[in-house]
Amino acid sequence: MLVKVGGGLLEVEGALPRACHAVALAARRHALVVLPGGGPFADAVRDFEREHGLTADTAHWMALLAMDQYALVLAERIERARLVASAAEISEALAAGAIPVLAPFRWMRAADVLPHSWNATGDSVAAFLAGALGAGALVLIKPVSGDLAALTDPYCALHLPLGLPSAVLGAQEVGRLDALITELTMRAAP
């Protein structure tokens, strides 16, 4: 199960602590990998690009590094979390009873599968990594809930494995994370 904790949660009063708590609770029953969004760290890249100019390649890689910065925040805020950067480190963390928080820059730099554009966001990274990890489902935690296609970038659907159960969970309903994971897991079962 891959759970992306969007950076937009930081704009909703109290949402980040609630989401981190919900992830820690859900991880007691489900094997989870947490992926960060970019949040204010990616916004800083956008601001720099607007003010000083960057090539699309440089902005892309800086935005992925922004996700690594938010990963550090999540690893600090989620109980039992461990910062990881590879599939092997994810396996080690899960085996040790820790919750892996994936800093995706190195993985995505090696794979280089997304367009170098602001049209491919952390949601596309989540969809790609859900497939690469063989995740049973994907949950995107965002400021608001709704239809996945309406709330994600245009490349997310292209990288989401066919038939992978997925959902968007809004900041106000993060307490339902465990139940949603159970529901998506049952949907994925043959």
Protein backbone atom coordinates (compact mmCIF):
# COMPACT_ATOMS: atom_id res chain seq x y z
CA MET A 1 0.00 0.00 0.00
CA LEU A 2 1.37 3.39 -1.00
CA VAL A 3 0.07 6.47 0.82
CA LYS A 4 1.03 9.89 -0.52
CA VAL A 5 0.78 12.67 2.03
CA GLY A 6 0.29 15.80 -0.03
CA GLY A 7 2.11 19.00 0.76
CA GLY A 8 -1.16 20.89 0.36
CA LEU A 9 -2.17 19.56 3.79
CA LEU A 10 0.05 22.23 5.31
CA GLU A 11 -2.49 24.81 4.15
CA VAL A 12 -5.28 23.20 6.23
CA GLU A 13 -5.22 23.97 9.96
CA GLY A 14 -4.16 20.86 11.91
CA ALA A 15 -4.27 18.55 8.89
CA LEU A 16 -0.63 17.44 8.94
CA PRO A 17 -0.64 16.19 12.54
CA ARG A 18 -3.97 14.42 11.95
CA ALA A 19 -2.65 12.78 8.78
CA CYS A 20 0.58 11.67 10.45
CA HIS A 21 -1.40 10.17 13.33
CA ALA A 22 -3.77 8.39 10.93
CA VAL A 23 -0.84 6.96 8.98
CA ALA A 24 0.79 5.66 12.18
CA LEU A 25 -2.49 4.02 13.25
CA ALA A 26 -3.14 2.46 9.84
CA ALA A 27 0.42 1.12 9.69
CA ARG A 28 -0.30 -1.00 12.76
CA ARG A 29 -2.60 -3.15 10.60
CA HIS A 30 -1.30 -2.60 7.07
CA ALA A 31 2.13 -2.58 5.44
CA LEU A 32 2.41 1.02 4.22
CA VAL A 33 4.95 3.03 2.30
CA VAL A 34 4.56 6.78 2.71
CA LEU A 35 5.42 9.15 -0.11
CA PRO A 36 5.60 12.92 0.41
CA GLY A 37 4.24 15.59 -1.85
CA GLY A 38 6.28 18.71 -2.50
CA GLY A 39 4.25 21.32 -0.64
CA PRO A 40 5.97 24.57 0.26
CA PHE A 41 9.33 23.14 -0.79
CA ALA A 42 8.10 22.68 -4.38
CA ASP A 43 6.42 26.09 -4.17
CA ALA A 44 9.84 27.57 -3.40
CA VAL A 45 11.16 26.00 -6.62
CA ARG A 46 8.23 27.47 -8.57
CA ASP A 47 8.90 30.91 -7.04
CA PHE A 48 12.61 30.70 -7.85
CA GLU A 49 11.85 29.63 -11.41
CA ARG A 50 9.41 32.52 -11.85
CA GLU A 51 11.82 35.11 -10.41
CA HIS A 52 15.16 33.88 -11.75
CA GLY A 53 14.42 31.39 -14.49
CA LEU A 54 15.28 27.70 -14.68
CA THR A 55 15.30 25.13 -17.44
CA ALA A 56 12.49 22.59 -17.31
CA ASP A 57 15.05 19.89 -16.44
CA THR A 58 16.47 21.81 -13.50
CA ALA A 59 13.01 22.74 -12.17
CA HIS A 60 11.92 19.08 -12.45
CA TRP A 61 14.85 17.73 -10.46
CA MET A 62 14.62 20.52 -7.89
CA ALA A 63 10.91 19.72 -7.41
CA LEU A 64 11.80 16.08 -6.78
CA LEU A 65 14.39 17.20 -4.25
CA ALA A 66 11.59 19.22 -2.64
CA MET A 67 9.73 15.95 -2.10
CA ASP A 68 12.82 14.62 -0.31
CA GLN A 69 12.71 17.65 2.00
CA TYR A 70 9.07 16.98 2.88
CA ALA A 71 9.99 13.31 3.42
CA LEU A 72 12.30 14.45 6.21
CA VAL A 73 9.40 16.30 7.83
CA LEU A 74 7.10 13.27 7.59
CA ALA A 75 9.77 10.89 8.90
CA GLU A 76 10.08 13.16 11.93
CA ARG A 77 6.32 13.55 12.49
CA ILE A 78 5.03 10.00 11.92
CA GLU A 79 5.52 7.69 14.86
CA ARG A 80 7.83 4.73 14.04
CA ALA A 81 8.76 6.24 10.65
CA ARG A 82 12.08 5.70 8.94
CA LEU A 83 13.42 7.69 5.97
CA VAL A 84 14.25 5.40 3.03
CA ALA A 85 15.40 5.88 -0.56
CA SER A 86 15.20 2.44 -2.21
CA ALA A 87 13.16 -0.74 -2.45
CA ALA A 88 15.72 -2.57 -0.31
CA GLU A 89 15.48 0.09 2.40
CA ILE A 90 11.66 -0.13 2.27
CA SER A 91 11.85 -3.90 2.86
CA GLU A 92 14.31 -3.43 5.72
CA ALA A 93 12.12 -0.80 7.38
CA LEU A 94 8.98 -2.92 7.10
CA ALA A 95 10.82 -5.97 8.47
CA ALA A 96 11.95 -3.88 11.45
CA GLY A 97 8.39 -2.73 12.15
CA ALA A 98 9.07 0.81 10.95
CA ILE A 99 6.97 2.87 8.56
CA PRO A 100 9.06 3.66 5.46
CA VAL A 101 8.87 7.26 4.26
CA LEU A 102 10.31 7.28 0.76
CA ALA A 103 12.52 10.16 -0.35
CA PRO A 104 11.97 9.64 -4.09
CA PHE A 105 14.66 11.77 -5.77
CA ARG A 106 17.30 9.06 -6.36
CA TRP A 107 14.74 6.51 -7.55
CA MET A 108 13.05 8.95 -9.90
CA ARG A 109 16.39 10.30 -11.18
CA ALA A 110 17.43 6.76 -12.12
CA ALA A 111 14.06 5.92 -13.70
CA ASP A 112 13.48 9.33 -15.36
CA VAL A 113 10.02 8.33 -16.59
CA LEU A 114 8.05 11.55 -16.14
CA PRO A 115 8.00 14.63 -18.34
CA HIS A 116 10.13 17.45 -17.02
CA SER A 117 7.17 19.75 -16.56
CA TRP A 118 4.98 21.17 -13.79
CA ASN A 119 2.20 19.10 -15.39
CA ALA A 120 3.73 16.00 -13.78
CA THR A 121 3.48 16.38 -10.01
CA GLY A 122 4.00 14.21 -6.97
CA ASP A 123 0.75 12.45 -7.86
CA SER A 124 2.42 11.08 -11.01
CA VAL A 125 5.42 10.08 -8.91
CA ALA A 126 3.03 8.23 -6.57
CA ALA A 127 1.31 6.43 -9.46
CA PHE A 128 4.63 5.37 -10.98
CA LEU A 129 6.08 4.21 -7.65
CA ALA A 130 2.89 2.31 -6.75
CA GLY A 131 3.48 0.27 -9.89
CA ALA A 132 7.23 -0.07 -9.36
CA LEU A 133 6.67 -1.30 -5.81
CA GLY A 134 3.81 -3.62 -6.73
CA ALA A 135 1.62 -1.79 -4.22
CA GLY A 136 -1.80 -3.28 -3.62
CA ALA A 137 -3.45 0.14 -3.67
CA LEU A 138 -2.76 3.88 -3.72
CA VAL A 139 -4.19 6.54 -1.41
CA LEU A 140 -3.53 10.21 -2.02
CA ILE A 141 -4.15 12.39 1.04
CA LYS A 142 -5.01 15.89 -0.16
CA PRO A 143 -6.66 19.01 1.25
CA VAL A 144 -9.99 17.94 -0.28
CA SER A 145 -11.50 14.62 -1.29
CA GLY A 146 -13.01 13.82 -4.63
CA ASP A 147 -12.48 12.05 -7.90
CA LEU A 148 -8.88 10.96 -8.49
CA ALA A 149 -8.88 12.05 -12.14
CA ALA A 150 -10.23 15.50 -11.26
CA LEU A 151 -7.73 16.12 -8.43
CA THR A 152 -4.51 14.84 -9.99
CA ASP A 153 -2.21 15.97 -12.77
CA PRO A 154 -2.68 14.72 -16.36
CA TYR A 155 0.15 12.18 -16.12
CA CYS A 156 -1.02 10.43 -12.96
CA ALA A 157 -3.55 8.26 -14.80
CA LEU A 158 -0.94 7.34 -17.42
CA HIS A 159 1.39 5.92 -14.77
CA LEU A 160 -1.23 4.33 -12.51
CA PRO A 161 -1.18 0.57 -13.04
CA LEU A 162 -4.34 -0.67 -14.73
CA GLY A 163 -6.85 -1.87 -12.17
CA LEU A 164 -4.90 -0.63 -9.14
CA PRO A 165 -7.44 0.40 -6.49
CA SER A 166 -6.88 4.05 -5.67
CA ALA A 167 -8.60 6.89 -3.86
CA VAL A 168 -8.23 10.49 -2.73
CA LEU A 169 -8.77 11.10 0.97
CA GLY A 170 -9.43 14.67 2.07
CA ALA A 171 -7.79 16.35 5.08
CA GLN A 172 -11.05 16.39 7.02
CA GLU A 173 -11.53 12.64 6.67
CA VAL A 174 -8.03 11.28 7.38
CA GLY A 175 -9.46 9.43 10.36
CA ARG A 176 -10.94 7.03 7.78
CA LEU A 177 -7.52 6.05 6.40
CA ASP A 178 -7.43 2.61 8.02
CA ALA A 179 -10.95 1.76 6.87
CA LEU A 180 -10.23 3.04 3.35
CA ILE A 181 -7.08 0.92 3.13
CA THR A 182 -9.08 -2.15 4.23
CA GLU A 183 -11.71 -1.37 1.59
CA LEU A 184 -9.13 -0.88 -1.19
CA THR A 185 -7.27 -4.04 -0.15
CA MET A 186 -10.48 -6.05 -0.35
CA ARG A 187 -11.17 -4.55 -3.78
CA ALA A 188 -7.69 -5.64 -4.93
CA ALA A 189 -8.10 -9.22 -3.70
CA PRO A 190 -8.88 -11.78 -6.42
